[in-house]
Amino acid sequence: MNDLLLEKYVNKLTKDHIINYAKNNEIIVSNNEVDIIYDYIKKYWRKFYYENPKDLFDELKSKLSPNTYNKLIQIYTEAKEKIKK
């Protein structure tokens, strides 16, 4: 996907998008978790997309509930697999 398109999408991303996505996927997230996820996406989207974000996920593991963290890993892994195809 084009870097410019991704950047525009991320720039338009809101916390409500994260909340609605979580609800639609039956993921319970606290307001604090929404803030954390939002901040990480906004700051580090290029690393998540282009690089190995293991260090970021290590940080997130200590900041999110185990259920939210595991769902996030699952969603990320599935998205990366789709991108590879």
N, C-alpha and C. Protein backbone atom coordinates (compact mmCIF):
# COMPACT_ATOMS: atom_id res chain seq x y z
N MET A 1 0.84 -1.18 0.00
CA MET A 1 0.00 0.00 0.00
C MET A 1 0.89 1.24 0.00
N ASN A 2 0.44 2.23 -0.60
CA ASN A 2 1.19 3.47 -0.72
C ASN A 2 1.37 4.15 0.65
N ASP A 3 2.61 4.57 0.90
CA ASP A 3 2.93 5.22 2.16
C ASP A 3 2.06 6.45 2.41
N LEU A 4 1.82 7.22 1.38
CA LEU A 4 1.01 8.42 1.51
C LEU A 4 -0.43 8.09 1.91
N LEU A 5 -1.00 7.05 1.34
CA LEU A 5 -2.36 6.63 1.70
C LEU A 5 -2.42 6.18 3.16
N LEU A 6 -1.43 5.42 3.57
CA LEU A 6 -1.39 4.97 4.97
C LEU A 6 -1.28 6.16 5.92
N GLU A 7 -0.41 7.08 5.57
CA GLU A 7 -0.24 8.25 6.42
C GLU A 7 -1.53 9.06 6.54
N LYS A 8 -2.24 9.22 5.43
CA LYS A 8 -3.52 9.94 5.47
C LYS A 8 -4.53 9.21 6.34
N TYR A 9 -4.58 7.89 6.21
CA TYR A 9 -5.50 7.10 7.02
C TYR A 9 -5.18 7.26 8.51
N VAL A 10 -3.92 7.13 8.85
CA VAL A 10 -3.51 7.26 10.25
C VAL A 10 -3.81 8.66 10.78
N ASN A 11 -3.59 9.66 9.96
CA ASN A 11 -3.87 11.03 10.38
C ASN A 11 -5.35 11.25 10.67
N LYS A 12 -6.21 10.53 9.98
CA LYS A 12 -7.65 10.67 10.19
C LYS A 12 -8.19 9.76 11.30
N LEU A 13 -7.37 8.84 11.76
CA LEU A 13 -7.78 7.91 12.79
C LEU A 13 -8.15 8.64 14.08
N THR A 14 -9.25 8.22 14.68
CA THR A 14 -9.68 8.80 15.96
C THR A 14 -9.80 7.70 17.01
N LYS A 15 -9.91 8.11 18.23
CA LYS A 15 -10.12 7.13 19.31
C LYS A 15 -11.46 6.43 19.14
N ASP A 16 -12.43 7.13 18.59
CA ASP A 16 -13.73 6.50 18.33
C ASP A 16 -13.60 5.34 17.33
N HIS A 17 -12.72 5.47 16.35
CA HIS A 17 -12.50 4.37 15.41
C HIS A 17 -12.01 3.13 16.17
N ILE A 18 -11.10 3.33 17.10
CA ILE A 18 -10.57 2.21 17.87
C ILE A 18 -11.66 1.60 18.75
N ILE A 19 -12.44 2.44 19.39
CA ILE A 19 -13.53 1.96 20.25
C ILE A 19 -14.54 1.17 19.43
N ASN A 20 -14.94 1.70 18.28
CA ASN A 20 -15.92 1.01 17.43
C ASN A 20 -15.36 -0.30 16.88
N TYR A 21 -14.11 -0.30 16.48
CA TYR A 21 -13.49 -1.52 15.98
C TYR A 21 -13.49 -2.58 17.09
N ALA A 22 -13.12 -2.17 18.29
CA ALA A 22 -13.10 -3.10 19.42
C ALA A 22 -14.50 -3.67 19.68
N LYS A 23 -15.50 -2.81 19.72
CA LYS A 23 -16.88 -3.26 19.95
C LYS A 23 -17.33 -4.23 18.87
N ASN A 24 -17.04 -3.91 17.61
CA ASN A 24 -17.44 -4.77 16.50
C ASN A 24 -16.76 -6.13 16.53
N ASN A 25 -15.63 -6.20 17.20
CA ASN A 25 -14.88 -7.46 17.31
C ASN A 25 -14.94 -8.06 18.71
N GLU A 26 -15.90 -7.57 19.49
CA GLU A 26 -16.16 -8.08 20.84
C GLU A 26 -14.91 -8.04 21.73
N ILE A 27 -14.18 -6.93 21.63
CA ILE A 27 -13.01 -6.71 22.47
C ILE A 27 -13.36 -5.62 23.46
N ILE A 28 -13.17 -5.92 24.72
CA ILE A 28 -13.46 -4.93 25.75
C ILE A 28 -12.17 -4.17 26.05
N VAL A 29 -12.19 -2.86 25.83
CA VAL A 29 -11.02 -2.02 26.09
C VAL A 29 -11.41 -0.89 27.03
N SER A 30 -10.52 -0.59 27.93
CA SER A 30 -10.76 0.54 28.83
C SER A 30 -10.39 1.83 28.11
N ASN A 31 -10.81 2.95 28.67
CA ASN A 31 -10.45 4.24 28.09
C ASN A 31 -8.94 4.42 28.06
N ASN A 32 -8.27 3.96 29.11
CA ASN A 32 -6.82 4.06 29.17
C ASN A 32 -6.17 3.24 28.04
N GLU A 33 -6.71 2.04 27.79
CA GLU A 33 -6.17 1.20 26.72
C GLU A 33 -6.39 1.84 25.35
N VAL A 34 -7.53 2.45 25.17
CA VAL A 34 -7.80 3.16 23.91
C VAL A 34 -6.76 4.25 23.71
N ASP A 35 -6.48 5.01 24.77
CA ASP A 35 -5.48 6.08 24.69
C ASP A 35 -4.11 5.52 24.32
N ILE A 36 -3.74 4.42 24.93
CA ILE A 36 -2.43 3.81 24.68
C ILE A 36 -2.34 3.32 23.24
N ILE A 37 -3.33 2.58 22.80
CA ILE A 37 -3.34 2.04 21.43
C ILE A 37 -3.31 3.18 20.42
N TYR A 38 -4.13 4.17 20.64
CA TYR A 38 -4.18 5.34 19.76
C TYR A 38 -2.80 6.01 19.66
N ASP A 39 -2.18 6.24 20.80
CA ASP A 39 -0.87 6.89 20.81
C ASP A 39 0.18 6.06 20.07
N TYR A 40 0.18 4.76 20.29
CA TYR A 40 1.16 3.90 19.62
C TYR A 40 0.94 3.87 18.10
N ILE A 41 -0.31 3.81 17.68
CA ILE A 41 -0.58 3.83 16.24
C ILE A 41 -0.11 5.15 15.64
N LYS A 42 -0.47 6.24 16.26
CA LYS A 42 -0.11 7.56 15.74
C LYS A 42 1.41 7.76 15.68
N LYS A 43 2.12 7.32 16.71
CA LYS A 43 3.56 7.55 16.78
C LYS A 43 4.38 6.53 15.98
N TYR A 44 3.91 5.28 15.95
CA TYR A 44 4.77 4.21 15.46
C TYR A 44 4.19 3.42 14.29
N TRP A 45 3.22 3.97 13.57
CA TRP A 45 2.59 3.19 12.51
C TRP A 45 3.59 2.70 11.48
N ARG A 46 4.59 3.49 11.16
CA ARG A 46 5.58 3.06 10.16
C ARG A 46 6.35 1.83 10.65
N LYS A 47 6.70 1.84 11.92
CA LYS A 47 7.42 0.68 12.47
C LYS A 47 6.53 -0.56 12.47
N PHE A 48 5.26 -0.39 12.83
CA PHE A 48 4.33 -1.52 12.80
C PHE A 48 4.18 -2.07 11.38
N TYR A 49 4.17 -1.20 10.41
CA TYR A 49 3.93 -1.62 9.03
C TYR A 49 5.19 -2.14 8.33
N TYR A 50 6.30 -1.45 8.51
CA TYR A 50 7.49 -1.75 7.72
C TYR A 50 8.57 -2.56 8.45
N GLU A 51 8.56 -2.52 9.77
CA GLU A 51 9.65 -3.13 10.53
C GLU A 51 9.14 -4.21 11.47
N ASN A 52 10.04 -4.69 12.32
CA ASN A 52 9.69 -5.65 13.35
C ASN A 52 9.41 -4.86 14.64
N PRO A 53 8.15 -4.79 15.05
CA PRO A 53 7.79 -3.98 16.22
C PRO A 53 7.83 -4.75 17.54
N LYS A 54 8.68 -5.78 17.64
CA LYS A 54 8.71 -6.60 18.85
C LYS A 54 8.89 -5.75 20.11
N ASP A 55 9.79 -4.76 20.06
CA ASP A 55 10.02 -3.93 21.24
C ASP A 55 8.78 -3.13 21.62
N LEU A 56 8.01 -2.70 20.62
CA LEU A 56 6.77 -1.98 20.91
C LEU A 56 5.74 -2.91 21.55
N PHE A 57 5.65 -4.12 21.04
CA PHE A 57 4.71 -5.08 21.63
C PHE A 57 5.14 -5.45 23.05
N ASP A 58 6.44 -5.51 23.29
CA ASP A 58 6.92 -5.77 24.66
C ASP A 58 6.46 -4.66 25.60
N GLU A 59 6.54 -3.42 25.15
CA GLU A 59 6.06 -2.29 25.95
C GLU A 59 4.55 -2.39 26.17
N LEU A 60 3.83 -2.68 25.10
CA LEU A 60 2.37 -2.76 25.20
C LEU A 60 1.91 -3.87 26.13
N LYS A 61 2.67 -4.94 26.19
CA LYS A 61 2.29 -6.07 27.05
C LYS A 61 2.16 -5.64 28.51
N SER A 62 3.00 -4.71 28.92
CA SER A 62 2.95 -4.26 30.31
C SER A 62 1.92 -3.14 30.54
N LYS A 63 1.38 -2.60 29.44
CA LYS A 63 0.45 -1.47 29.55
C LYS A 63 -1.01 -1.86 29.32
N LEU A 64 -1.24 -3.02 28.69
CA LEU A 64 -2.59 -3.45 28.35
C LEU A 64 -2.97 -4.68 29.15
N SER A 65 -4.27 -4.91 29.29
CA SER A 65 -4.71 -6.14 29.94
C SER A 65 -4.30 -7.32 29.08
N PRO A 66 -4.13 -8.50 29.68
CA PRO A 66 -3.74 -9.67 28.88
C PRO A 66 -4.70 -9.95 27.73
N ASN A 67 -6.00 -9.81 27.95
CA ASN A 67 -6.98 -10.07 26.91
C ASN A 67 -6.83 -9.08 25.75
N THR A 68 -6.72 -7.81 26.07
CA THR A 68 -6.57 -6.78 25.03
C THR A 68 -5.26 -6.99 24.27
N TYR A 69 -4.20 -7.27 25.00
CA TYR A 69 -2.90 -7.50 24.36
C TYR A 69 -2.96 -8.69 23.40
N ASN A 70 -3.53 -9.78 23.85
CA ASN A 70 -3.61 -10.98 23.01
C ASN A 70 -4.45 -10.74 21.76
N LYS A 71 -5.55 -10.02 21.91
CA LYS A 71 -6.39 -9.68 20.75
C LYS A 71 -5.62 -8.78 19.78
N LEU A 72 -4.88 -7.82 20.33
CA LEU A 72 -4.09 -6.92 19.50
C LEU A 72 -3.05 -7.70 18.69
N ILE A 73 -2.37 -8.63 19.33
CA ILE A 73 -1.39 -9.46 18.64
C ILE A 73 -2.07 -10.27 17.54
N GLN A 74 -3.22 -10.84 17.84
CA GLN A 74 -3.96 -11.64 16.86
C GLN A 74 -4.35 -10.78 15.65
N ILE A 75 -4.91 -9.62 15.90
CA ILE A 75 -5.33 -8.72 14.82
C ILE A 75 -4.12 -8.29 13.99
N TYR A 76 -3.04 -7.94 14.66
CA TYR A 76 -1.83 -7.51 13.96
C TYR A 76 -1.28 -8.64 13.07
N THR A 77 -1.21 -9.83 13.62
CA THR A 77 -0.68 -10.98 12.87
C THR A 77 -1.53 -11.27 11.65
N GLU A 78 -2.84 -11.26 11.82
CA GLU A 78 -3.74 -11.50 10.69
C GLU A 78 -3.61 -10.42 9.62
N ALA A 79 -3.48 -9.18 10.04
CA ALA A 79 -3.32 -8.08 9.08
C ALA A 79 -2.01 -8.21 8.32
N LYS A 80 -0.94 -8.54 9.00
CA LYS A 80 0.37 -8.69 8.34
C LYS A 80 0.34 -9.84 7.33
N GLU A 81 -0.36 -10.92 7.66
CA GLU A 81 -0.49 -12.04 6.74
C GLU A 81 -1.25 -11.62 5.47
N LYS A 82 -2.29 -10.83 5.63
CA LYS A 82 -3.06 -10.35 4.48
C LYS A 82 -2.21 -9.44 3.60
N ILE A 83 -1.37 -8.64 4.22
CA ILE A 83 -0.53 -7.71 3.47
C ILE A 83 0.49 -8.48 2.62
N LYS A 84 0.99 -9.59 3.15
CA LYS A 84 1.99 -10.38 2.45
C LYS A 84 1.44 -11.01 1.17
N LYS A 85 0.15 -11.24 1.13
CA LYS A 85 -0.47 -11.94 -0.01
C LYS A 85 -0.61 -11.06 -1.21
